N, C-alpha and C. Protein backbone atom coordinates (compact mmCIF):
# COMPACT_ATOMS: atom_id res chain seq x y z
N UNK A 1 6.07 -6.21 -1.97
CA UNK A 1 5.00 -5.15 -1.69
C UNK A 1 5.54 -4.27 -0.78
N UNK A 2 4.41 -2.70 -1.28
CA UNK A 2 4.67 -1.85 -1.17
C UNK A 2 3.88 -1.38 0.04
N UNK A 3 3.84 -0.66 0.84
CA UNK A 3 2.80 -0.78 2.07
C UNK A 3 3.50 0.71 2.50
N UNK A 4 1.84 0.65 2.84
CA UNK A 4 1.90 2.71 2.98
C UNK A 4 0.14 2.56 3.23
N UNK A 5 0.57 4.46 4.43
CA UNK A 5 -0.88 4.59 4.73
C UNK A 5 -1.12 5.57 3.73
N UNK A 6 -2.62 5.69 3.66
CA UNK A 6 -3.20 6.34 2.48
C UNK A 6 -2.74 7.09 2.38
N UNK A 7 -2.89 7.89 0.71
CA UNK A 7 -2.35 9.43 0.35
C UNK A 7 -0.80 9.06 0.58
N UNK A 8 -0.14 8.19 0.72
CA UNK A 8 1.26 8.36 0.35
C UNK A 8 1.91 7.56 -1.10
N UNK A 9 1.52 7.28 -1.95
CA UNK A 9 1.58 6.77 -3.40
C UNK A 9 1.63 5.35 -3.55
N UNK A 10 1.00 5.21 -2.85
CA UNK A 10 0.71 2.87 -3.07
C UNK A 10 0.19 2.95 -4.08
N UNK A 11 -0.93 4.01 -5.12
CA UNK A 11 -1.80 3.85 -6.33
C UNK A 11 -0.73 4.19 -7.32
N UNK A 12 0.47 5.41 -7.53
CA UNK A 12 1.05 5.63 -8.23
C UNK A 12 2.57 4.55 -8.56
N UNK A 13 2.89 3.29 -7.32
CA UNK A 13 3.48 2.96 -7.33
C UNK A 13 2.72 1.62 -7.83
N UNK A 14 1.80 1.08 -7.56
CA UNK A 14 1.30 0.34 -8.01
C UNK A 14 0.87 0.51 -9.78
N UNK A 15 1.02 1.01 -10.27
CA UNK A 15 1.49 1.34 -12.22
C UNK A 15 2.55 1.46 -12.08
N UNK A 16 3.61 1.95 -11.89
CA UNK A 16 4.97 1.56 -11.92
C UNK A 16 5.39 0.48 -12.30
N UNK A 17 5.11 -0.34 -11.17
CA UNK A 17 5.88 -1.53 -10.18
C UNK A 17 5.14 -2.56 -11.21
N UNK A 18 3.38 -2.18 -11.76
CA UNK A 18 2.87 -2.99 -12.53
C UNK A 18 2.33 -4.43 -11.33
N UNK A 19 1.53 -3.99 -10.13
CA UNK A 19 1.34 -4.24 -8.89
C UNK A 19 -0.04 -4.26 -8.95
N UNK A 20 -0.64 -4.65 -7.82
CA UNK A 20 -2.10 -4.87 -7.41
C UNK A 20 -2.20 -3.65 -6.68
N UNK A 21 -3.18 -2.76 -7.07
CA UNK A 21 -3.30 -2.01 -5.97
C UNK A 21 -4.54 -2.09 -5.04
N UNK A 22 -4.22 -2.16 -3.57
CA UNK A 22 -5.34 -2.08 -2.31
C UNK A 22 -6.38 -3.11 -2.86
N UNK A 23 -5.43 -4.39 -2.44
CA UNK A 23 -6.09 -5.89 -3.01
C UNK A 23 -7.30 -6.06 -1.47
N UNK A 24 -7.55 -5.29 -0.91
CA UNK A 24 -7.73 -5.96 0.74
C UNK A 24 -9.87 -5.66 0.27
N UNK A 25 -9.97 -4.62 -0.47
CA UNK A 25 -11.10 -4.12 -1.01
C UNK A 25 -12.09 -5.53 -1.68
N UNK A 26 -11.03 -6.30 -1.98
CA UNK A 26 -11.75 -7.75 -2.67
C UNK A 26 -11.43 -8.74 -2.71
N UNK A 27 -10.04 -8.86 -1.67
CA UNK A 27 -9.65 -10.39 -0.69
C UNK A 27 -9.51 -10.08 0.65
N UNK A 28 -9.88 -11.14 1.04
CA UNK A 28 -9.34 -11.04 2.72
C UNK A 28 -7.61 -11.49 2.75
N UNK A 29 -6.91 -10.81 3.40
CA UNK A 29 -5.85 -10.78 2.92
C UNK A 29 -4.69 -12.03 3.82
N UNK A 30 -5.43 -13.11 4.07
CA UNK A 30 -4.96 -14.34 4.06
C UNK A 30 -4.99 -15.07 2.79
N UNK A 31 -5.30 -14.23 2.48
CA UNK A 31 -5.69 -15.05 0.80
C UNK A 31 -5.73 -14.55 -0.83
N UNK A 32 -4.68 -13.33 -0.12
CA UNK A 32 -3.87 -12.60 -1.26
C UNK A 32 -3.03 -13.23 -2.25
N UNK A 33 -2.12 -14.30 -1.65
CA UNK A 33 -0.96 -15.34 -2.45
C UNK A 33 -2.01 -16.09 -3.09
N UNK A 34 -3.63 -17.05 -2.87
CA UNK A 34 -4.17 -17.71 -3.71
C UNK A 34 -4.42 -16.89 -4.83
N UNK A 35 -4.98 -15.74 -4.81
CA UNK A 35 -5.93 -14.90 -5.58
C UNK A 35 -5.16 -14.29 -6.41
N UNK A 36 -3.53 -13.74 -5.95
CA UNK A 36 -3.00 -13.26 -7.39
C UNK A 36 -1.99 -14.05 -7.39
N UNK A 37 -1.42 -15.09 -6.93
CA UNK A 37 -0.52 -15.99 -7.01
C UNK A 37 1.20 -15.06 -7.06
N UNK A 38 1.26 -14.45 -6.38
CA UNK A 38 2.59 -13.91 -6.51
C UNK A 38 2.95 -12.37 -7.16
N UNK A 39 1.57 -12.09 -7.85
CA UNK A 39 2.06 -10.37 -8.27
C UNK A 39 2.35 -9.52 -6.90
N UNK A 40 2.83 -9.01 -7.94
CA UNK A 40 3.00 -7.66 -6.21
C UNK A 40 1.97 -6.83 -5.91
N UNK A 41 2.54 -6.62 -4.61
CA UNK A 41 0.71 -5.72 -4.05
C UNK A 41 1.60 -4.11 -3.52
N UNK A 42 0.93 -3.84 -3.57
CA UNK A 42 1.00 -1.62 -3.14
C UNK A 42 -0.46 -1.31 -2.53
N UNK A 43 -0.79 -2.15 -0.93
CA UNK A 43 -1.43 -1.71 -0.40
C UNK A 43 -1.55 -0.77 0.82
N UNK A 44 -2.86 0.26 0.92
CA UNK A 44 -3.18 1.23 2.11
C UNK A 44 -3.10 -0.19 3.39
N UNK A 45 -3.64 -1.24 3.14
CA UNK A 45 -4.33 -1.77 4.51
C UNK A 45 -3.61 -2.92 5.23
N UNK A 46 -2.64 -2.98 4.44
CA UNK A 46 -2.01 -3.85 5.20
C UNK A 46 -0.87 -4.10 6.34
N UNK A 47 -0.81 -2.62 6.54
CA UNK A 47 -0.57 -2.29 8.00
C UNK A 47 -0.99 -2.10 8.81
N UNK A 48 -2.69 -2.73 8.32
CA UNK A 48 -2.85 -3.24 9.52
C UNK A 48 -3.08 -4.36 10.60
N UNK A 49 -2.20 -5.23 9.81
CA UNK A 49 -1.47 -6.59 9.94
C UNK A 49 -0.50 -7.10 10.07
N UNK A 50 0.59 -5.90 10.70
CA UNK A 50 1.93 -6.27 10.71
C UNK A 50 2.33 -7.87 10.92
N UNK A 51 2.05 -8.20 11.69
CA UNK A 51 2.49 -10.03 12.07
C UNK A 51 2.10 -10.93 10.46
N UNK A 52 1.51 -10.84 10.00
CA UNK A 52 0.94 -11.23 8.66
C UNK A 52 2.25 -11.12 7.86
N UNK A 53 2.58 -9.44 7.39
CA UNK A 53 3.11 -8.91 6.32
C UNK A 53 4.86 -9.82 6.78
N UNK A 54 5.22 -9.51 8.04
CA UNK A 54 6.11 -9.78 8.83
C UNK A 54 6.21 -11.18 8.32
N UNK A 55 5.54 -12.44 8.29
CA UNK A 55 5.96 -13.52 8.07
C UNK A 55 5.73 -14.30 6.81
N UNK A 56 4.89 -13.16 5.68
CA UNK A 56 5.62 -13.19 4.11
C UNK A 56 6.73 -13.01 3.61
N UNK A 57 6.81 -14.08 2.24
CA UNK A 57 8.31 -14.11 2.11
C UNK A 57 8.83 -13.04 1.60
N UNK A 58 7.31 -12.56 0.73
CA UNK A 58 8.03 -11.48 -0.31
C UNK A 58 8.75 -10.04 0.13
N UNK A 59 9.43 -9.56 -0.79
CA UNK A 59 10.60 -8.01 -0.24
C UNK A 59 9.67 -6.70 0.32
N UNK A 60 9.71 -6.06 0.82
CA UNK A 60 8.94 -5.20 1.18
C UNK A 60 9.57 -3.60 1.45
N UNK A 61 9.25 -3.26 0.60
CA UNK A 61 9.06 -1.32 1.05
C UNK A 61 7.91 -0.85 1.87
N UNK A 62 8.46 -0.39 3.33
CA UNK A 62 7.58 0.69 3.80
C UNK A 62 7.52 1.87 3.58
N UNK A 63 6.34 2.83 2.87
CA UNK A 63 6.21 3.79 2.58
C UNK A 63 5.67 5.04 3.82
N UNK A 64 6.64 5.74 4.59
CA UNK A 64 5.93 6.50 5.18
C UNK A 64 5.91 8.28 4.91
N UNK A 65 5.11 8.55 5.88
CA UNK A 65 4.58 9.85 5.31
C UNK A 65 3.95 10.83 6.36
N UNK A 66 4.02 12.19 6.59
CA UNK A 66 4.25 12.73 8.16
C UNK A 66 2.19 12.50 7.89
N UNK A 67 1.84 12.65 9.42
CA UNK A 67 0.98 12.74 9.65
C UNK A 67 0.22 13.77 8.56
N UNK A 68 0.18 14.79 9.49
CA UNK A 68 -0.38 15.63 8.85
C UNK A 68 -0.02 15.95 7.63
N UNK A 69 0.18 15.39 6.20
CA UNK A 69 0.12 15.70 4.85
C UNK A 69 -0.78 14.36 4.57
N UNK A 70 -0.66 13.45 5.31
CA UNK A 70 -1.23 12.49 4.71
C UNK A 70 -3.53 13.20 5.13
N UNK A 71 -3.41 13.86 6.23
CA UNK A 71 -4.67 13.66 6.84
C UNK A 71 -5.02 15.44 5.78
N UNK A 72 -4.17 16.12 5.73
CA UNK A 72 -4.41 17.15 4.77
C UNK A 72 -4.52 16.88 3.36
N UNK A 73 -4.24 16.00 2.35
CA UNK A 73 -4.86 15.27 1.49
C UNK A 73 -5.87 14.64 1.32
N UNK A 74 -6.18 14.00 2.93
CA UNK A 74 -7.16 13.05 2.80
C UNK A 74 -8.94 14.33 2.38
N UNK A 75 -8.48 14.72 3.75
CA UNK A 75 -9.17 16.40 3.10
C UNK A 75 -9.77 16.92 2.16
N UNK A 76 -8.47 16.79 1.34
CA UNK A 76 -8.71 18.14 0.16
C UNK A 76 -9.01 16.53 -0.85
N UNK A 77 -9.18 15.61 -0.95
CA UNK A 77 -9.39 14.68 -2.24
C UNK A 77 -10.28 13.93 -1.59
N UNK A 78 -11.23 14.07 -0.32
CA UNK A 78 -12.29 13.93 0.43
C UNK A 78 -12.11 12.37 0.24
N UNK A 79 -11.53 11.98 1.24
CA UNK A 79 -11.05 10.20 1.36
C UNK A 79 -11.23 10.31 2.93
N UNK A 80 -11.90 9.32 2.85
CA UNK A 80 -11.86 9.37 4.81
C UNK A 80 -10.26 9.06 5.77
N UNK A 81 -10.25 10.10 6.67
CA UNK A 81 -8.81 9.91 7.66
C UNK A 81 -8.39 8.11 7.78
N UNK A 82 -7.67 7.72 8.07
CA UNK A 82 -6.64 5.97 7.79
C UNK A 82 -7.12 6.17 9.62
N UNK A 83 -7.57 4.78 10.18
CA UNK A 83 -7.11 4.67 11.54
C UNK A 83 -5.60 5.17 11.80
N UNK A 84 -6.02 5.38 13.26
CA UNK A 84 -4.20 6.12 13.69
C UNK A 84 -2.90 4.90 13.77
N UNK A 85 -4.13 3.42 13.99
CA UNK A 85 -3.06 2.82 13.65
C UNK A 85 -2.37 1.80 13.24
N UNK A 86 -2.61 2.66 11.99
CA UNK A 86 -1.70 2.31 10.50
C UNK A 86 -0.28 2.96 10.72
N UNK A 87 -0.22 4.13 11.41
CA UNK A 87 0.91 4.70 11.30
C UNK A 87 2.10 3.99 12.33
N UNK A 88 1.62 3.69 13.56
CA UNK A 88 2.37 3.03 14.46
C UNK A 88 2.24 1.33 13.89
N UNK A 89 1.90 0.63 12.84
CA UNK A 89 2.17 -0.75 12.69
C UNK A 89 3.12 -0.58 11.69
N UNK A 90 3.12 0.51 11.09
CA UNK A 90 4.24 0.70 9.89
C UNK A 90 5.73 0.86 10.72
N UNK A 91 6.07 0.81 11.56
CA UNK A 91 7.13 1.19 12.27
C UNK A 91 7.19 -0.94 12.64
N UNK A 92 6.23 -1.07 12.63
CA UNK A 92 6.97 -2.92 12.95
C UNK A 92 6.47 -3.88 12.15
N UNK A 93 6.49 -3.46 10.96
CA UNK A 93 6.84 -3.85 9.40
C UNK A 93 8.98 -4.22 9.42
N UNK A 94 8.78 -5.38 9.26
CA UNK A 94 10.20 -5.13 8.42
C UNK A 94 10.08 -5.20 7.04
N UNK A 95 11.40 -4.80 6.72
CA UNK A 95 11.40 -4.51 5.09
C UNK A 95 12.63 -2.94 5.34
N UNK A 96 12.48 -2.29 4.16
CA UNK A 96 12.89 -1.45 3.72
C UNK A 96 11.72 -0.35 3.92
N UNK A 97 12.40 0.73 5.07
CA UNK A 97 11.33 2.20 5.55
C UNK A 97 11.97 3.10 4.79
N UNK A 98 10.99 3.61 4.05
CA UNK A 98 11.48 5.09 3.31
C UNK A 98 10.72 6.79 3.27
N UNK A 99 11.09 6.96 3.20
CA UNK A 99 9.64 8.53 2.78
C UNK A 99 9.45 8.48 1.82
N UNK A 100 7.89 8.62 1.50
CA UNK A 100 7.67 8.30 0.19
C UNK A 100 7.56 8.93 -0.70
N UNK A 101 8.63 10.24 -0.36
CA UNK A 101 8.94 11.24 -1.77
C UNK A 101 10.15 10.04 -2.14
N UNK A 102 11.16 9.25 -1.81
CA UNK A 102 11.95 8.28 -2.19
C UNK A 102 11.11 7.26 -3.74
N UNK A 103 9.73 7.60 -3.56
CA UNK A 103 9.51 7.18 -4.95
C UNK A 103 9.78 7.65 -5.94
N UNK A 104 9.77 8.90 -5.74
CA UNK A 104 10.10 10.36 -6.97
C UNK A 104 11.71 10.62 -6.45
N UNK A 105 12.16 10.72 -5.87
CA UNK A 105 13.42 10.80 -5.26
C UNK A 105 14.89 9.58 -5.54
N UNK A 106 14.37 8.91 -5.19
CA UNK A 106 15.22 7.65 -4.92
C UNK A 106 14.98 6.63 -5.67
N UNK A 107 14.11 6.07 -6.73
CA UNK A 107 13.30 5.33 -6.83
C UNK A 107 14.34 3.60 -7.02
N UNK A 108 15.58 3.74 -7.72
CA UNK A 108 16.01 2.50 -7.97
C UNK A 108 16.50 1.97 -7.13
N UNK A 109 16.76 2.44 -5.62
CA UNK A 109 17.06 1.35 -4.48
C UNK A 109 15.69 1.19 -4.59
N UNK A 110 14.40 1.36 -4.18
CA UNK A 110 13.10 0.71 -3.77
C UNK A 110 13.10 -0.23 -4.89
N UNK A 111 13.52 -0.05 -6.16
CA UNK A 111 12.75 -1.07 -7.67
C UNK A 111 13.89 -1.68 -7.24
N UNK A 112 15.32 -1.77 -6.88
CA UNK A 112 16.25 -2.95 -6.80
C UNK A 112 16.07 -3.93 -5.60
N UNK A 113 15.45 -3.22 -4.53
CA UNK A 113 15.39 -3.85 -3.20
C UNK A 113 13.62 -5.01 -3.20
N UNK A 114 13.41 -4.40 -4.63
CA UNK A 114 11.64 -5.49 -5.04
C UNK A 114 11.61 -6.33 -5.70
N UNK A 115 12.62 -5.85 -6.76
CA UNK A 115 12.39 -6.09 -7.87
C UNK A 115 13.90 -7.39 -8.80
N UNK A 116 14.76 -6.19 -8.39
CA UNK A 116 16.45 -6.58 -9.14
C UNK A 116 16.88 -5.58 -10.05
N UNK A 117 17.47 -5.77 -10.57
CA UNK A 117 18.16 -5.25 -11.88
C UNK A 117 16.68 -5.00 -12.60
N UNK A 118 17.44 -3.61 -13.26
CA UNK A 118 16.74 -3.20 -14.90
C UNK A 118 15.65 -2.06 -14.39
N UNK A 119 15.80 -1.60 -13.83
CA UNK A 119 15.05 0.05 -13.41
C UNK A 119 15.08 0.67 -14.76
N UNK A 120 14.04 0.69 -15.30
CA UNK A 120 13.94 1.79 -16.38
C UNK A 120 14.10 3.60 -16.24
N UNK A 121 14.54 4.15 -16.11
CA UNK A 121 14.98 5.45 -15.70
C UNK A 121 13.89 6.47 -16.79
N UNK A 122 13.87 6.40 -17.65
CA UNK A 122 12.87 6.51 -18.94
C UNK A 122 11.46 6.86 -18.33
N UNK A 123 11.03 5.28 -18.37
CA UNK A 123 9.66 5.24 -17.80
C UNK A 123 9.25 5.71 -16.57
N UNK A 124 10.62 5.86 -15.59
CA UNK A 124 9.89 6.18 -14.07
C UNK A 124 9.57 7.84 -14.75
N UNK A 125 10.54 8.54 -15.10
CA UNK A 125 10.57 9.87 -15.43
C UNK A 125 9.31 10.20 -15.80
N UNK A 126 8.82 9.80 -17.39
CA UNK A 126 7.45 9.48 -17.52
C UNK A 126 6.23 9.50 -16.35
N UNK A 127 6.15 8.66 -15.61
CA UNK A 127 5.21 8.45 -14.68
C UNK A 127 5.66 9.75 -13.88
N UNK A 128 6.41 9.61 -13.44
CA UNK A 128 6.34 10.98 -12.52
C UNK A 128 5.35 12.33 -12.98
N UNK A 129 5.58 12.14 -14.40
CA UNK A 129 4.74 13.36 -14.89
C UNK A 129 2.84 13.49 -14.16
N UNK A 130 2.58 12.06 -13.65
CA UNK A 130 1.53 11.51 -14.09
C UNK A 130 0.68 12.04 -12.52
N UNK A 131 -0.24 12.41 -12.22
CA UNK A 131 -1.23 12.32 -10.88
C UNK A 131 -1.82 11.44 -10.96
N UNK A 132 -1.85 9.99 -10.31
CA UNK A 132 -2.43 8.62 -10.14
C UNK A 132 -3.25 8.86 -8.78
N UNK A 133 -4.19 8.38 -9.18
CA UNK A 133 -4.99 8.46 -7.45
C UNK A 133 -6.37 7.50 -7.89
N UNK A 134 -6.24 6.75 -6.76
CA UNK A 134 -7.65 5.62 -6.67
C UNK A 134 -8.95 6.62 -6.82
N UNK A 135 -9.96 6.37 -7.91
CA UNK A 135 -11.37 7.12 -7.26
C UNK A 135 -11.85 6.22 -6.33
N UNK A 136 -12.35 6.62 -5.17
CA UNK A 136 -12.55 6.38 -3.97
C UNK A 136 -14.29 5.33 -4.21
N UNK A 137 -14.25 6.58 -5.04
CA UNK A 137 -16.20 6.34 -4.98
C UNK A 137 -16.19 4.97 -5.44
N UNK A 138 -15.80 4.61 -6.46
CA UNK A 138 -15.73 3.57 -7.50
C UNK A 138 -15.10 2.78 -7.01
N UNK A 139 -14.13 2.69 -6.40
CA UNK A 139 -13.50 1.48 -5.35
C UNK A 139 -14.53 0.80 -4.22
N UNK A 140 -15.13 1.60 -3.49
CA UNK A 140 -16.32 1.60 -2.22
C UNK A 140 -17.68 0.92 -2.73
N UNK A 141 -17.72 1.12 -4.49
CA UNK A 141 -18.81 0.81 -4.67
C UNK A 141 -18.29 -1.08 -5.89
N UNK A 142 -17.23 -1.26 -5.83
CA UNK A 142 -16.91 -2.83 -6.83
C UNK A 142 -16.43 -3.75 -5.10
N UNK A 143 -15.95 -2.97 -4.66
CA UNK A 143 -15.62 -3.81 -3.20
C UNK A 143 -16.67 -5.07 -3.30
N UNK A 144 -15.67 -6.29 -3.28
CA UNK A 144 -16.20 -7.45 -2.32
C UNK A 144 -17.06 -7.58 -0.97
N UNK A 145 -18.05 -8.01 -0.65
CA UNK A 145 -18.82 -7.71 0.83
C UNK A 145 -17.78 -9.12 1.61
N UNK A 146 -17.92 -9.51 0.35
CA UNK A 146 -17.01 -10.42 1.75
C UNK A 146 -15.86 -10.47 1.83
N UNK A 147 -14.76 -10.15 0.91
CA UNK A 147 -13.78 -9.25 2.53
C UNK A 147 -13.77 -8.32 3.00
N UNK A 148 -14.72 -7.25 2.70
CA UNK A 148 -14.66 -6.37 3.59
C UNK A 148 -15.04 -7.19 4.93
N UNK A 149 -16.62 -7.86 5.03
CA UNK A 149 -16.73 -8.59 6.31
C UNK A 149 -15.66 -8.90 6.88
N UNK A 150 -14.60 -10.03 6.27
CA UNK A 150 -13.68 -10.84 6.70
C UNK A 150 -12.40 -9.47 7.55
N UNK A 151 -12.39 -8.58 6.59
CA UNK A 151 -11.86 -7.37 7.34
C UNK A 151 -12.27 -6.52 8.28
N UNK A 152 -13.42 -6.19 8.46
CA UNK A 152 -14.31 -6.17 9.92
C UNK A 152 -13.98 -6.76 10.92
N UNK A 153 -14.39 -8.36 10.70
CA UNK A 153 -14.39 -9.89 11.82
C UNK A 153 -12.94 -9.30 12.07
N UNK A 154 -11.83 -9.03 11.27
CA UNK A 154 -10.76 -9.14 11.95
C UNK A 154 -10.02 -8.50 12.45
N UNK A 155 -10.76 -7.15 12.64
CA UNK A 155 -10.83 -5.79 13.34
C UNK A 155 -11.07 -6.29 14.56
N UNK A 156 -12.35 -6.78 14.38
CA UNK A 156 -13.13 -6.92 15.74
C UNK A 156 -12.69 -7.21 16.83
N UNK A 157 -11.69 -8.41 16.28
CA UNK A 157 -11.46 -9.79 17.22
C UNK A 157 -10.59 -8.96 17.92
N UNK A 158 -9.49 -7.82 17.82
CA UNK A 158 -8.37 -6.91 18.26
C UNK A 158 -7.73 -7.64 17.62
N UNK A 159 -7.28 -8.13 16.30
CA UNK A 159 -6.03 -8.31 15.88
C UNK A 159 -5.36 -7.65 16.03
N UNK A 160 -5.65 -6.14 16.14
CA UNK A 160 -4.33 -4.53 15.79
C UNK A 160 -4.60 -4.67 17.62
N UNK A 161 -4.84 -4.95 18.72
CA UNK A 161 -4.53 -4.53 19.98
C UNK A 161 -3.26 -5.22 20.53
């Protein structure tokens, strides 16, 4: 699992690691294992559920990016601003905490922590040249209403308090 706030490289990371990006748009968090069967996940929403993430046996990398950079990137790219609780909850998640820039500057340690040996520096170098971003409008249009309803219920129940 790679968990970070929006605009912190999770989409890019999902391409690099051949993982599912932001599955909470289509799957309730408690159903991720059933739906994806152990496939890696790079997610901006799982920071809302630190207790569940900590109980999950997958290795975790938690990305950190300064709030002012995230908010500036959201505004420029017409993304909604993330709820502030996401930033606080990242510190509650157990795992390898890194700056989001480490995806590009120190990738071998991240790869080794998540996958083990086999880091491909040539592939990583090629991907570093790519500007990979989610199409937010397309993602919303294709979201699973049931998954979003369950996510909203979890948030309304005060899971975050």
